[in-house]
Amino acid sequence: MRDCRQFYIDGKWVSPTQADDYLVINPATEEPVATISLGGAVDVDRAVAAAKGVFKSYSETTLDDRAKILHRIIEVYQERMDEMAETISLEMGSPIGLSRAAQAPAGLAHLSEIVNVLRHFKFEELKGSTLMRKEPIGVCGLITPWNWPMNQIVCKVAPALAAGCTMVLKPSETAPLSAYLFAQILHAAGLPAGVFNLVNGDGPTVGTAISSHPDVAMVSFTGSTRAGVAVASAAAPTVKRVTQELGGKSANIILDDADLADAVMNGVQACFRNSGQSCNAPTRMLVPRSKMAEAVRAAEQAANATEVGNPFTEGTQLGPLASKAQFDKVQGLINTGIEEGATLVAGGPGRPHGLTKGYFVKPTVFADVRNDMTIAREEIFGPVLCILPYENEEDAIRIANDTPYGLSGFVTSGNIGRARRVAKRIRAGNVHINGARVDFGGCFGGYKQSGNGREWGEAGLEEFLELKAVFGYEPSSNRDR
């Protein structure tokens, strides 16, 4: 059992104002592995005060100073990369291969990318006689989920540091151990006291205290659309900036000129990656109606070949869901899919054969899904794929856009020009053509109920900056010379 009950405030590990122990559960064994404390409003006040106190000095550091800090963080992060991967697998069940290849490296990728951005980013630009100046917004509240912990923490912390902001982080109480380790990394890298602060807690208490705090200038939130609405509501009275990366129900359009078997196999694997616990997972696979039978056979074969088991066993492709609450939700939605008449192709209710403990879910595929079914409308956040038929390209685009979400989209075609045309018509914040992986130098965020604002790269840095126009900065006499 790890003892992680302290918070990181003003450069020191401190005890919570009031003890409120919370057990962190290993989702593969259902056994506790650590104890944290759930904080309260007073703890948030202490953390915000520390961040506010150092904001003036940190916001005035040079870009070179910030780049040096980021380089030191990168060095320490690299030294503890294996420990980070193991911690993520322990706390939320990601297979160790995925944790080593993607979960832990995602944090490093965001740190490295923001260093690259700093090399060319224009914080000041003269337009005529007016100086357009981008300044750090202030104290930032960062609220992150459990499914890709380092990706979602570092894609906020890195640009905030680069912008000259100070911050308070509330990670998910379901998977807080990687955040605890990350705070240790920042401390070891010599980050000035108060710039980064960590307070564990739940959303209704600590999340609300951060969102509503009058000294917090901005909240960056990643999580469910329901929780995002609560954050925005709490933030509204203080008129602070709120950026949100929320839920998704991404469509994967496989066009009729694609290699169907290959596209289906890749689509199933992408849907099931991280046990389906990715907001941008391609959970709605759209295939030509004339090729539905072939697609179903390929999907069934891919699902049945998926290795489910202990996340620390090499070769495991699918670990458990992160919590009992998530397990219960996914089981309920699988049953709903059956009740509403979708054809169960693979998987179904219950744990996979041979697994009697842990929050494991069978890799599940439904066919003959209509877009008005619950499983096609709601974000399931588990290894559950819906296959929907379409009549033609126009119908596929219509179905893809017929959702309250707009986080991501996928298009597979044998013709790159055709794929590009379809991609442009998908109402989503990012689209993958022919299985392209994410680009950390691009941006991430959604349309509609998938949120607002963007993360990653230059676009992510912009969110932590205020734009000031200084009129008359360049006297007219100088411009006339």
Protein backbone atom coordinates (compact mmCIF):
# COMPACT_ATOMS: atom_id res chain seq x y z
CA MET A 1 0.00 0.00 0.00
CA ARG A 2 1.31 3.39 -1.02
CA ASP A 3 0.67 6.33 1.29
CA CYS A 4 -0.15 9.30 -0.95
CA ARG A 5 -2.29 11.29 1.44
CA GLN A 6 -0.35 14.56 1.20
CA PHE A 7 -0.89 17.38 -1.25
CA TYR A 8 1.81 19.30 -3.08
CA ILE A 9 1.35 23.00 -2.25
CA ASP A 10 3.86 25.83 -2.52
CA GLY A 11 6.75 23.47 -3.22
CA LYS A 12 6.14 21.23 -0.20
CA TRP A 13 4.26 18.03 0.59
CA VAL A 14 1.63 19.00 3.15
CA SER A 15 -1.15 17.22 5.03
CA PRO A 16 -4.76 17.99 4.15
CA THR A 17 -6.65 20.42 6.35
CA GLN A 18 -9.03 17.62 7.31
CA ALA A 19 -8.31 13.92 6.95
CA ASP A 20 -10.55 12.11 4.44
CA ASP A 21 -8.89 8.90 3.32
CA TYR A 22 -9.78 7.34 -0.01
CA LEU A 23 -8.61 3.96 -1.30
CA VAL A 24 -7.16 3.64 -4.78
CA ILE A 25 -8.20 0.29 -6.26
CA ASN A 26 -6.23 -1.85 -8.69
CA PRO A 27 -8.96 -2.58 -11.28
CA ALA A 28 -7.37 -5.89 -12.29
CA THR A 29 -7.54 -7.34 -8.78
CA GLU A 30 -10.17 -5.16 -7.07
CA GLU A 31 -7.67 -4.76 -4.21
CA PRO A 32 -6.54 -1.43 -2.73
CA VAL A 33 -3.02 -0.33 -3.70
CA ALA A 34 -2.80 3.15 -2.20
CA THR A 35 -4.47 5.68 0.04
CA ILE A 36 -4.98 9.30 -0.91
CA SER A 37 -6.80 12.15 0.83
CA LEU A 38 -9.84 13.86 -0.59
CA GLY A 39 -9.32 17.56 -0.15
CA GLY A 40 -11.74 20.39 0.44
CA ALA A 41 -12.26 24.06 -0.31
CA VAL A 42 -9.71 25.14 2.31
CA ASP A 43 -7.02 23.03 0.64
CA VAL A 44 -7.90 24.62 -2.70
CA ASP A 45 -7.66 28.06 -1.10
CA ARG A 46 -4.14 27.26 0.11
CA ALA A 47 -3.07 26.00 -3.30
CA VAL A 48 -4.58 28.93 -5.18
CA ALA A 49 -2.94 31.38 -2.77
CA ALA A 50 0.44 29.77 -3.43
CA ALA A 51 -0.08 29.94 -7.19
CA LYS A 52 -1.28 33.55 -6.99
CA GLY A 53 1.65 34.53 -4.79
CA VAL A 54 4.26 33.39 -7.29
CA PHE A 55 2.42 34.38 -10.47
CA LYS A 56 3.98 37.84 -10.75
CA SER A 57 7.55 36.56 -10.58
CA TYR A 58 7.00 33.46 -12.71
CA SER A 59 5.02 35.33 -15.39
CA GLU A 60 7.96 37.70 -15.81
CA THR A 61 10.54 34.97 -16.39
CA THR A 62 12.17 34.93 -19.80
CA LEU A 63 11.32 32.41 -22.49
CA ASP A 64 14.83 31.05 -22.10
CA ASP A 65 14.22 30.51 -18.37
CA ARG A 66 11.00 28.62 -19.08
CA ALA A 67 12.64 26.52 -21.77
CA LYS A 68 15.39 25.55 -19.32
CA ILE A 69 12.79 24.52 -16.74
CA LEU A 70 10.98 22.39 -19.34
CA HIS A 71 14.24 20.74 -20.38
CA ARG A 72 14.96 19.81 -16.75
CA ILE A 73 11.47 18.34 -16.41
CA ILE A 74 12.04 16.30 -19.58
CA GLU A 75 15.30 14.92 -18.17
CA VAL A 76 13.71 13.81 -14.89
CA TYR A 77 10.62 12.46 -16.67
CA GLN A 78 12.80 10.30 -18.91
CA GLU A 79 14.60 8.91 -15.86
CA ARG A 80 11.29 7.83 -14.33
CA MET A 81 9.48 6.77 -17.49
CA ASP A 82 9.35 3.07 -16.60
CA GLU A 83 8.02 3.88 -13.13
CA MET A 84 5.37 6.10 -14.70
CA ALA A 85 4.25 3.35 -17.08
CA GLU A 86 3.97 0.83 -14.25
CA THR A 87 2.07 3.31 -12.09
CA ILE A 88 -0.48 3.96 -14.83
CA SER A 89 -1.03 0.24 -15.38
CA LEU A 90 -1.48 -0.26 -11.65
CA GLU A 91 -3.97 2.53 -11.11
CA MET A 92 -6.21 2.29 -14.20
CA GLY A 93 -5.45 -1.06 -15.83
CA SER A 94 -3.75 -0.09 -19.07
CA PRO A 95 -1.79 -3.05 -20.48
CA ILE A 96 1.87 -2.53 -19.66
CA GLY A 97 2.81 -2.63 -23.35
CA LEU A 98 0.43 0.26 -24.03
CA SER A 99 1.62 2.13 -20.95
CA ARG A 100 5.24 1.86 -22.10
CA ALA A 101 4.52 2.62 -25.75
CA ALA A 102 1.88 5.34 -25.42
CA GLN A 103 0.53 6.23 -21.99
CA ALA A 104 3.78 7.35 -20.34
CA PRO A 105 5.48 8.61 -23.54
CA ALA A 106 2.50 10.90 -24.25
CA GLY A 107 3.58 13.11 -21.35
CA LEU A 108 7.10 13.33 -22.73
CA ALA A 109 5.76 14.10 -26.20
CA HIS A 110 3.79 17.10 -24.94
CA LEU A 111 6.79 18.43 -23.02
CA SER A 112 9.04 18.08 -26.06
CA GLU A 113 6.48 19.64 -28.39
CA ILE A 114 5.95 22.72 -26.22
CA VAL A 115 9.72 23.28 -26.16
CA ASN A 116 9.64 23.24 -29.97
CA VAL A 117 6.71 25.67 -30.00
CA LEU A 118 8.56 28.12 -27.76
CA ARG A 119 11.35 28.36 -30.32
CA HIS A 120 9.15 30.11 -32.88
CA PHE A 121 6.03 31.33 -31.07
CA LYS A 122 5.43 35.10 -31.33
CA PHE A 123 4.37 36.52 -27.98
CA GLU A 124 4.59 40.03 -29.43
CA GLU A 125 3.85 41.26 -32.94
CA LEU A 126 3.66 44.82 -34.28
CA LYS A 127 0.71 45.54 -36.58
CA GLY A 128 0.99 49.09 -37.81
CA SER A 129 1.32 51.28 -34.74
CA THR A 130 -0.27 48.67 -32.44
CA LEU A 131 1.57 46.03 -30.48
CA MET A 132 -0.33 42.74 -30.24
CA ARG A 133 0.98 41.16 -27.04
CA LYS A 134 0.15 37.72 -25.65
CA GLU A 135 0.42 37.50 -21.87
CA PRO A 136 -0.09 34.64 -19.37
CA ILE A 137 -3.70 34.50 -18.28
CA GLY A 138 -2.98 33.93 -14.56
CA VAL A 139 -3.68 31.15 -12.09
CA CYS A 140 -5.09 28.12 -13.91
CA GLY A 141 -7.23 25.32 -12.53
CA LEU A 142 -6.53 21.99 -14.24
CA ILE A 143 -9.03 19.14 -13.81
CA THR A 144 -8.14 15.83 -15.46
CA PRO A 145 -9.62 12.32 -15.88
CA TRP A 146 -8.26 8.81 -15.39
CA ASN A 147 -8.18 7.26 -18.85
CA TRP A 148 -4.97 8.79 -20.32
CA PRO A 149 -3.60 10.41 -17.17
CA MET A 150 -0.22 11.68 -18.35
CA ASN A 151 -1.47 12.72 -21.75
CA GLN A 152 -4.20 14.82 -20.22
CA ILE A 153 -2.19 16.25 -17.34
CA VAL A 154 0.91 17.19 -19.31
CA CYS A 155 -0.95 18.64 -22.29
CA LYS A 156 -2.25 21.22 -19.78
CA VAL A 157 0.75 21.65 -17.47
CA ALA A 158 3.35 22.00 -20.25
CA PRO A 159 1.71 24.90 -22.13
CA ALA A 160 0.74 26.57 -18.85
CA LEU A 161 4.39 26.55 -17.79
CA ALA A 162 5.49 27.76 -21.21
CA ALA A 163 2.97 30.60 -21.14
CA GLY A 164 4.15 31.80 -17.71
CA CYS A 165 1.07 30.69 -15.80
CA THR A 166 0.84 29.11 -12.36
CA MET A 167 -1.60 26.34 -11.58
CA VAL A 168 -3.56 23.99 -9.33
CA LEU A 169 -4.15 20.43 -10.56
CA LYS A 170 -6.94 18.13 -9.48
CA PRO A 171 -6.39 14.70 -11.05
CA SER A 172 -9.05 12.01 -11.01
CA GLU A 173 -9.37 10.32 -7.64
CA THR A 174 -9.75 7.02 -9.54
CA ALA A 175 -6.19 7.18 -10.91
CA PRO A 176 -4.23 9.78 -8.90
CA LEU A 177 -0.91 7.95 -8.46
CA SER A 178 0.62 9.02 -11.76
CA ALA A 179 -0.18 12.65 -10.92
CA TYR A 180 1.50 12.18 -7.55
CA LEU A 181 4.59 10.86 -9.33
CA PHE A 182 4.45 13.74 -11.80
CA ALA A 183 4.47 16.24 -8.92
CA GLN A 184 7.61 14.50 -7.63
CA ILE A 185 9.16 14.87 -11.08
CA LEU A 186 8.43 18.60 -11.17
CA HIS A 187 9.86 19.03 -7.68
CA ALA A 188 13.03 17.14 -8.59
CA ALA A 189 13.38 19.31 -11.71
CA GLY A 190 13.51 22.42 -9.53
CA LEU A 191 10.25 24.07 -10.54
CA PRO A 192 9.86 27.22 -8.41
CA ALA A 193 7.64 26.76 -5.36
CA GLY A 194 3.98 27.61 -5.95
CA VAL A 195 4.05 27.39 -9.73
CA PHE A 196 2.52 23.91 -9.69
CA ASN A 197 0.21 22.68 -6.92
CA LEU A 198 -1.63 19.37 -6.54
CA VAL A 199 -4.81 18.82 -4.54
CA ASN A 200 -6.57 15.46 -4.74
CA GLY A 201 -10.31 15.27 -4.36
CA ASP A 202 -13.61 14.62 -6.05
CA GLY A 203 -15.37 16.76 -8.62
CA PRO A 204 -18.28 18.06 -6.55
CA THR A 205 -15.91 19.29 -3.82
CA VAL A 206 -12.43 20.12 -5.09
CA GLY A 207 -13.47 20.46 -8.72
CA THR A 208 -16.20 22.94 -7.82
CA ALA A 209 -13.90 24.85 -5.46
CA ILE A 210 -11.36 25.29 -8.26
CA SER A 211 -13.95 26.16 -10.93
CA SER A 212 -15.67 28.78 -8.79
CA HIS A 213 -12.59 30.29 -7.16
CA PRO A 214 -12.37 34.05 -7.79
CA ASP A 215 -8.56 33.97 -8.02
CA VAL A 216 -8.51 31.29 -10.72
CA ALA A 217 -8.43 32.97 -14.12
CA MET A 218 -8.98 29.88 -16.24
CA VAL A 219 -10.18 26.30 -15.90
CA SER A 220 -8.97 23.62 -18.30
CA PHE A 221 -11.16 20.52 -17.93
CA THR A 222 -11.11 17.10 -19.54
CA GLY A 223 -13.87 14.62 -18.75
CA SER A 224 -17.47 13.77 -19.49
CA THR A 225 -19.86 16.24 -21.07
CA ARG A 226 -22.06 16.03 -17.97
CA ALA A 227 -19.19 17.03 -15.69
CA GLY A 228 -18.10 19.70 -18.18
CA VAL A 229 -21.48 21.37 -17.87
CA ALA A 230 -21.07 21.40 -14.07
CA VAL A 231 -17.60 22.96 -14.35
CA ALA A 232 -18.84 25.66 -16.73
CA SER A 233 -21.79 26.42 -14.46
CA ALA A 234 -19.54 26.77 -11.42
CA ALA A 235 -17.15 29.01 -13.37
CA ALA A 236 -19.82 31.27 -14.86
CA PRO A 237 -20.31 33.71 -11.95
CA THR A 238 -16.63 34.71 -12.05
CA VAL A 239 -16.61 34.93 -15.87
CA LYS A 240 -13.37 32.99 -16.13
CA ARG A 241 -12.17 31.27 -19.27
CA VAL A 242 -13.19 27.62 -19.49
CA THR A 243 -11.70 25.21 -22.00
CA GLN A 244 -13.18 21.74 -22.20
CA GLU A 245 -12.28 18.47 -23.87
CA LEU A 246 -15.34 16.32 -23.38
CA GLY A 247 -16.99 13.16 -24.68
CA GLY A 248 -17.14 11.66 -28.14
CA LYS A 249 -18.90 9.12 -30.31
CA SER A 250 -16.55 9.07 -33.25
CA ALA A 251 -17.56 7.63 -36.61
CA ASN A 252 -15.17 5.48 -38.63
CA ILE A 253 -16.26 5.69 -42.26
CA ILE A 254 -14.93 2.80 -44.33
CA LEU A 255 -15.58 3.78 -47.93
CA ASP A 256 -16.43 1.22 -50.60
CA ASP A 257 -13.01 1.46 -52.28
CA ALA A 258 -11.08 0.57 -49.08
CA ASP A 259 -9.49 -2.79 -48.30
CA LEU A 260 -12.43 -3.82 -46.13
CA ALA A 261 -10.87 -6.66 -44.14
CA ASP A 262 -7.81 -4.60 -43.25
CA ALA A 263 -9.85 -1.48 -42.45
CA VAL A 264 -12.23 -3.42 -40.20
CA MET A 265 -9.39 -5.13 -38.31
CA ASN A 266 -7.64 -1.80 -37.74
CA GLY A 267 -10.92 -0.18 -36.75
CA VAL A 268 -11.68 -2.88 -34.17
CA GLN A 269 -8.20 -2.57 -32.67
CA ALA A 270 -8.47 1.22 -32.51
CA CYS A 271 -11.87 1.00 -30.83
CA PHE A 272 -10.63 -1.50 -28.23
CA ARG A 273 -7.30 0.23 -27.49
CA ASN A 274 -7.07 1.26 -23.83
CA SER A 275 -10.13 -0.95 -23.22
CA GLY A 276 -12.21 1.49 -25.25
CA GLN A 277 -11.57 4.19 -22.66
CA SER A 278 -10.61 6.94 -25.10
CA CYS A 279 -12.86 9.90 -25.82
CA ASN A 280 -11.82 9.83 -29.50
CA ALA A 281 -12.22 6.05 -29.96
CA PRO A 282 -13.83 5.08 -33.31
CA THR A 283 -16.84 3.39 -31.71
CA ARG A 284 -19.24 3.73 -34.67
CA MET A 285 -17.98 1.82 -37.69
CA LEU A 286 -19.83 2.78 -40.87
CA VAL A 287 -19.64 0.26 -43.74
CA PRO A 288 -21.46 -0.02 -47.09
CA ARG A 289 -24.68 -1.96 -46.65
CA SER A 290 -23.67 -4.30 -49.48
CA LYS A 291 -20.52 -5.26 -47.54
CA MET A 292 -22.07 -5.62 -44.09
CA ALA A 293 -21.78 -9.42 -43.94
CA GLU A 294 -18.09 -9.32 -44.86
CA ALA A 295 -17.42 -6.55 -42.34
CA VAL A 296 -19.19 -8.45 -39.57
CA ARG A 297 -17.09 -11.58 -40.18
CA ALA A 298 -13.88 -9.55 -40.07
CA ALA A 299 -14.94 -7.72 -36.89
CA GLU A 300 -15.93 -10.94 -35.16
CA GLN A 301 -12.57 -12.48 -35.99
CA ALA A 302 -10.67 -9.42 -34.73
CA ALA A 303 -12.68 -9.24 -31.50
CA ASN A 304 -12.26 -12.94 -30.72
CA ALA A 305 -8.50 -12.67 -31.30
CA THR A 306 -8.12 -9.87 -28.73
CA GLU A 307 -6.07 -10.98 -25.73
CA VAL A 308 -7.76 -9.97 -22.47
CA GLY A 309 -6.07 -10.33 -19.11
CA ASN A 310 -3.63 -9.13 -16.50
CA PRO A 311 -2.30 -5.74 -17.60
CA PHE A 312 1.20 -6.67 -16.40
CA THR A 313 1.35 -9.77 -18.61
CA GLU A 314 3.25 -9.13 -21.82
CA GLY A 315 1.01 -9.55 -24.83
CA THR A 316 -2.19 -8.48 -23.10
CA GLN A 317 -4.13 -6.23 -25.45
CA LEU A 318 -7.13 -5.48 -23.27
CA GLY A 319 -6.93 -4.81 -19.56
CA PRO A 320 -9.77 -4.09 -17.16
CA LEU A 321 -11.93 -1.00 -17.09
CA ALA A 322 -10.69 1.54 -14.58
CA SER A 323 -13.38 1.19 -11.92
CA LYS A 324 -16.43 -0.71 -10.78
CA ALA A 325 -18.63 2.25 -11.68
CA GLN A 326 -17.32 2.13 -15.23
CA PHE A 327 -17.72 -1.66 -15.37
CA ASP A 328 -21.34 -1.42 -14.24
CA LYS A 329 -22.08 1.33 -16.75
CA VAL A 330 -20.64 -0.62 -19.68
CA GLN A 331 -22.45 -3.83 -18.67
CA GLY A 332 -25.70 -1.88 -18.57
CA LEU A 333 -25.18 -0.44 -22.04
CA ILE A 334 -24.27 -3.84 -23.51
CA ASN A 335 -27.55 -5.18 -22.17
CA THR A 336 -29.36 -2.15 -23.58
CA GLY A 337 -27.89 -2.85 -27.02
CA ILE A 338 -29.27 -6.39 -26.89
CA GLU A 339 -32.67 -5.20 -25.65
CA GLU A 340 -32.95 -2.59 -28.41
CA GLY A 341 -32.42 -5.19 -31.11
CA ALA A 342 -28.82 -4.82 -32.24
CA THR A 343 -27.17 -8.05 -33.40
CA LEU A 344 -24.54 -9.28 -30.93
CA VAL A 345 -21.60 -10.45 -33.03
CA ALA A 346 -18.96 -10.98 -30.34
CA GLY A 347 -18.62 -10.59 -26.59
CA GLY A 348 -21.66 -9.58 -24.58
CA PRO A 349 -22.48 -9.27 -20.89
CA GLY A 350 -20.24 -10.58 -18.13
CA ARG A 351 -16.52 -11.09 -17.74
CA PRO A 352 -14.39 -12.91 -20.31
CA HIS A 353 -14.00 -16.65 -19.78
CA GLY A 354 -11.59 -17.55 -16.99
CA LEU A 355 -11.61 -14.12 -15.35
CA THR A 356 -13.60 -14.11 -12.13
CA LYS A 357 -12.16 -10.97 -10.58
CA GLY A 358 -11.35 -7.52 -11.88
CA TYR A 359 -13.32 -5.09 -14.00
CA PHE A 360 -12.79 -6.98 -17.25
CA VAL A 361 -15.27 -6.69 -20.11
CA LYS A 362 -15.61 -8.97 -23.12
CA PRO A 363 -14.50 -7.37 -26.40
CA THR A 364 -17.96 -6.71 -27.81
CA VAL A 365 -19.22 -6.05 -31.32
CA PHE A 366 -22.76 -5.16 -32.33
CA ALA A 367 -23.98 -5.19 -35.94
CA ASP A 368 -27.16 -3.92 -37.58
CA VAL A 369 -27.04 -0.89 -35.31
CA ARG A 370 -29.30 2.06 -36.08
CA ASN A 371 -28.02 5.51 -35.30
CA ASP A 372 -30.99 6.21 -33.03
CA MET A 373 -30.11 3.30 -30.70
CA THR A 374 -28.74 4.10 -27.26
CA ILE A 375 -25.44 2.36 -27.97
CA ALA A 376 -24.97 4.57 -31.05
CA ARG A 377 -25.82 7.79 -29.20
CA GLU A 378 -24.16 7.46 -25.80
CA GLU A 379 -20.45 7.37 -25.09
CA ILE A 380 -19.97 3.84 -23.71
CA PHE A 381 -16.28 4.17 -22.79
CA GLY A 382 -15.60 0.47 -22.99
CA PRO A 383 -14.53 -2.11 -25.62
CA VAL A 384 -17.86 -1.99 -27.46
CA LEU A 385 -18.05 -1.43 -31.22
CA CYS A 386 -21.20 -0.59 -33.16
CA ILE A 387 -21.32 -1.40 -36.89
CA LEU A 388 -23.80 0.67 -38.89
CA PRO A 389 -24.68 0.26 -42.58
CA TYR A 390 -24.87 3.17 -45.03
CA GLU A 391 -26.26 3.43 -48.54
CA ASN A 392 -23.74 5.77 -50.20
CA GLU A 393 -21.04 8.33 -49.39
CA GLU A 394 -23.56 11.09 -48.70
CA ASP A 395 -25.47 8.83 -46.32
CA ALA A 396 -22.25 7.92 -44.50
CA ILE A 397 -21.41 11.58 -43.92
CA ARG A 398 -24.95 12.25 -42.72
CA ILE A 399 -24.78 9.41 -40.18
CA ALA A 400 -21.31 10.42 -39.02
CA ASN A 401 -22.51 13.95 -38.28
CA ASP A 402 -25.79 12.83 -36.71
CA THR A 403 -24.51 12.97 -33.13
CA PRO A 404 -24.38 15.58 -30.36
CA TYR A 405 -20.61 15.00 -30.23
CA GLY A 406 -17.86 16.14 -32.56
CA LEU A 407 -14.50 15.16 -31.14
CA SER A 408 -12.98 12.94 -33.79
CA GLY A 409 -13.63 11.11 -37.01
CA PHE A 410 -11.96 8.46 -39.18
CA VAL A 411 -12.03 7.91 -42.95
CA THR A 412 -10.53 4.97 -44.84
CA SER A 413 -10.38 4.98 -48.64
CA GLY A 414 -8.22 3.70 -51.45
CA ASN A 415 -8.33 7.19 -52.94
CA ILE A 416 -6.57 9.87 -50.87
CA GLY A 417 -8.38 12.69 -52.66
CA ARG A 418 -11.75 11.15 -51.85
CA ALA A 419 -10.74 10.59 -48.23
CA ARG A 420 -9.71 14.25 -47.93
CA ARG A 421 -13.04 15.44 -49.33
CA VAL A 422 -15.00 13.32 -46.87
CA ALA A 423 -12.76 14.36 -43.97
CA LYS A 424 -13.51 18.03 -44.65
CA ARG A 425 -17.22 17.37 -44.28
CA ILE A 426 -17.06 15.61 -40.91
CA ARG A 427 -18.06 17.98 -38.12
CA ALA A 428 -15.31 17.09 -35.67
CA GLY A 429 -12.23 18.69 -34.20
CA ASN A 430 -9.86 16.14 -35.70
CA VAL A 431 -10.11 13.51 -38.42
CA HIS A 432 -7.79 10.56 -39.12
CA ILE A 433 -7.28 9.57 -42.75
CA ASN A 434 -6.36 5.94 -43.50
CA GLY A 435 -5.40 5.11 -39.92
CA ALA A 436 -3.10 8.09 -39.34
CA ARG A 437 -1.98 8.40 -35.73
CA VAL A 438 -2.25 11.61 -33.74
CA ASP A 439 0.26 14.40 -34.29
CA PHE A 440 1.26 16.11 -31.04
CA GLY A 441 2.17 19.18 -33.06
CA GLY A 442 -1.41 19.41 -34.31
CA CYS A 443 -4.32 20.16 -32.03
CA PHE A 444 -6.96 18.24 -30.10
CA GLY A 445 -10.48 19.29 -29.16
CA GLY A 446 -14.03 19.04 -30.35
CA TYR A 447 -17.09 20.59 -31.92
CA LYS A 448 -20.58 20.65 -30.38
CA GLN A 449 -20.90 18.83 -27.04
CA SER A 450 -17.35 17.52 -27.30
CA GLY A 451 -16.13 20.79 -25.86
CA ASN A 452 -14.50 24.08 -26.76
CA GLY A 453 -10.94 25.30 -27.07
CA ARG A 454 -7.97 23.26 -28.24
CA GLU A 455 -5.06 21.44 -26.64
CA TRP A 456 -1.64 20.30 -27.90
CA GLY A 457 1.07 22.29 -29.65
CA GLU A 458 0.73 25.95 -30.57
CA ALA A 459 -3.07 25.91 -30.33
CA GLY A 460 -2.82 24.57 -26.79
CA LEU A 461 -0.42 27.32 -25.77
CA GLU A 462 -2.80 29.98 -27.08
CA GLU A 463 -5.47 28.90 -24.58
CA PHE A 464 -3.27 29.97 -21.64
CA LEU A 465 -2.66 33.47 -23.02
CA GLU A 466 -4.56 36.75 -22.98
CA LEU A 467 -4.29 39.01 -26.02
CA LYS A 468 -3.54 42.68 -25.34
CA ALA A 469 -3.52 45.45 -27.95
CA VAL A 470 -1.19 48.34 -27.09
CA PHE A 471 -2.31 51.25 -29.28
CA GLY A 472 0.25 53.83 -30.26
CA TYR A 473 3.12 51.55 -29.34
CA GLU A 474 5.00 52.66 -32.46
CA PRO A 475 4.83 56.46 -32.89
CA SER A 476 3.77 57.59 -36.36
CA SER A 477 7.03 59.54 -36.81
CA ASN A 478 9.00 56.29 -36.53
CA ARG A 479 6.76 54.56 -39.03
CA ASP A 480 7.19 57.36 -41.54
CA ARG A 481 11.00 57.18 -41.56
